[in-house]
Protein backbone atom coordinates (compact mmCIF):
# COMPACT_ATOMS: atom_id res chain seq x y z
CA MET A 1 -47.96 -22.73 -0.55
CA VAL A 2 -46.84 -20.48 1.99
CA SER A 3 -44.76 -18.20 -0.87
CA LYS A 4 -47.75 -18.40 -3.42
CA THR A 5 -49.91 -16.28 -1.10
CA GLU A 6 -47.34 -14.62 -0.87
CA VAL A 7 -46.73 -14.14 -4.68
CA GLN A 8 -50.38 -13.23 -5.65
CA GLU A 9 -50.32 -10.57 -2.46
CA ASN A 10 -47.86 -9.64 -4.07
CA SER A 11 -48.72 -9.19 -7.34
CA SER A 12 -51.98 -7.69 -6.47
CA THR A 13 -50.47 -4.85 -4.96
CA ASP A 14 -47.62 -4.89 -7.41
CA LYS A 15 -50.26 -4.17 -9.91
CA ILE A 16 -51.30 -1.09 -7.60
CA LYS A 17 -48.29 0.36 -8.08
CA LEU A 18 -47.71 -0.01 -11.51
CA ALA A 19 -51.11 1.87 -12.31
CA VAL A 20 -49.98 4.11 -9.48
CA ALA A 21 -46.99 4.82 -11.13
CA ALA A 22 -48.25 4.79 -14.67
CA VAL A 23 -51.14 7.84 -13.49
CA VAL A 24 -48.02 10.11 -12.07
CA LEU A 25 -45.83 9.83 -15.10
CA PHE A 26 -49.66 10.51 -17.28
CA VAL A 27 -50.37 13.43 -14.82
CA GLY A 28 -46.62 14.58 -15.40
CA ILE A 29 -47.18 14.79 -19.32
CA ALA A 30 -50.54 16.30 -18.64
CA LEU A 31 -49.55 19.11 -16.90
CA PHE A 32 -46.31 19.38 -18.38
CA TYR A 33 -48.86 20.29 -21.82
CA VAL A 34 -51.25 21.92 -19.70
CA PHE A 35 -48.73 24.75 -17.95
CA SER A 36 -47.77 25.80 -22.07
CA ASP A 37 -47.71 29.28 -21.01
CA VAL A 38 -44.36 28.56 -18.25
CA SER A 39 -41.20 28.10 -18.42
CA LEU A 40 -39.88 25.35 -20.52
CA LEU A 41 -36.94 24.90 -17.84
CA PHE A 42 -40.04 24.52 -14.80
CA ARG A 43 -41.45 22.39 -17.30
CA VAL A 44 -38.77 19.90 -18.23
CA ILE A 45 -37.91 20.18 -14.32
CA GLY A 46 -41.54 19.64 -13.04
CA LEU A 47 -41.98 16.20 -15.65
CA LEU A 48 -37.83 15.37 -14.47
CA VAL A 49 -39.58 15.36 -11.50
CA MET A 50 -42.88 13.06 -12.26
CA ALA A 51 -41.22 10.55 -13.93
CA GLY A 52 -38.65 10.66 -10.55
CA ILE A 53 -42.17 9.48 -8.43
CA SER A 54 -42.78 6.87 -11.08
CA VAL A 55 -39.86 5.26 -11.43
CA PHE A 56 -39.08 5.43 -7.78
CA VAL A 57 -43.16 3.31 -6.99
CA ILE A 58 -41.71 1.28 -10.27
CA SER A 59 -38.63 -0.23 -8.00
CA GLN A 60 -40.88 -1.02 -5.46
CA THR A 61 -42.61 -3.69 -7.54
CA GLY A 62 -41.06 -7.10 -7.55
CA THR A 63 -40.53 -6.81 -11.25
CA GLY A 64 -39.21 -2.79 -11.05
CA ARG A 65 -36.76 -4.80 -8.15
CA ARG A 66 -35.96 -7.46 -10.48
CA THR A 67 -35.54 -5.06 -13.37
CA PHE A 68 -33.32 -2.36 -10.89
CA SER A 69 -31.30 -5.95 -9.93
CA PHE A 70 -30.97 -6.80 -13.24
CA PHE A 71 -29.07 -3.57 -14.21
CA LYS A 72 -26.71 -4.04 -11.11
CA ASP A 73 -25.62 -7.38 -12.48
CA ALA A 74 -24.88 -5.88 -15.90
CA ARG A 75 -23.09 -2.99 -14.88
CA THR A 76 -20.56 -4.94 -13.03
CA GLU A 77 -20.65 -7.39 -15.39
CA VAL A 78 -19.33 -4.68 -18.10
CA ARG A 79 -16.58 -3.84 -15.36
CA LYS A 80 -15.56 -7.16 -15.94
CA VAL A 81 -14.57 -6.58 -19.67
CA VAL A 82 -11.21 -6.48 -20.35
CA TRP A 83 -11.44 -3.38 -23.05
CA PRO A 84 -8.48 -3.62 -25.76
CA GLY A 85 -6.11 -0.86 -25.74
CA ARG A 86 -5.41 1.21 -28.10
CA ALA A 87 -2.34 -0.49 -30.04
CA GLU A 88 -4.58 -3.30 -30.28
CA THR A 89 -7.99 -1.14 -31.82
CA THR A 90 -5.25 0.15 -34.44
CA GLN A 91 -4.77 -3.03 -35.36
CA THR A 92 -7.67 -4.53 -35.42
CA THR A 93 -8.84 -1.55 -37.47
CA LEU A 94 -7.08 -1.55 -40.29
CA ILE A 95 -7.14 -5.64 -40.67
CA VAL A 96 -10.60 -5.08 -41.44
CA MET A 97 -9.94 -2.36 -43.84
CA VAL A 98 -7.73 -3.97 -45.62
CA ILE A 99 -9.95 -7.07 -45.56
CA VAL A 100 -13.10 -5.02 -47.03
CA PHE A 101 -10.98 -3.68 -49.88
CA ILE A 102 -9.79 -7.08 -50.60
CA MET A 103 -12.65 -8.21 -50.79
CA GLY A 104 -14.43 -5.56 -52.50
CA LEU A 105 -11.97 -6.17 -55.54
CA PHE A 106 -12.70 -9.44 -55.37
CA LEU A 107 -16.23 -8.52 -56.15
CA TRP A 108 -15.87 -5.88 -58.69
CA LEU A 109 -13.28 -9.01 -60.33
CA LEU A 110 -16.20 -11.33 -59.80
CA ASP A 111 -18.86 -8.78 -60.94
CA TRP A 112 -16.65 -8.02 -64.06
CA VAL A 113 -16.32 -11.37 -65.28
CA LEU A 114 -19.41 -12.50 -64.39
CA SER A 115 -20.57 -9.35 -67.15
CA GLY A 116 -18.28 -9.82 -69.47
CA ALA A 117 -19.53 -14.07 -70.34
CA PHE A 118 -23.05 -12.90 -70.00
CA GLN A 119 -22.27 -10.23 -72.74
CA LEU A 120 -20.71 -13.16 -74.06
CA VAL A 121 -23.60 -15.62 -73.61
CA THR A 122 -26.40 -13.19 -74.51
CA GLY A 123 -24.68 -10.68 -77.27
CA ILE A 124 -26.30 -8.05 -75.03
CA GLY A 125 -24.57 -5.13 -73.78
CA GLY A 126 -22.06 -2.58 -74.49
């Protein structure tokens, strides 16, 4: 029962934090266009700073923590993948190219035979 209360409290504060993050990002975008006479470099840097602040505020919410944890876990899993070497990649690519050529040839022959059969049956065509 206590954990539900804590979740509800965090939920209300999370909503406030998400609203603050949205406002900060909106203000950053608005300022980007308001200061159109300033150099594009400075406007982009300012927008990136505002976006960074917004991401930081989002990361302080429960949803943000879970999201960042997910990406961290995904990065860990990607590092565990055994990527194929150059030779294996070349062999696989060649096999795929040969299979595609064979299937293309088969479909072309099938189309040619069915087209001839259609012309024979209906008398329509070349």
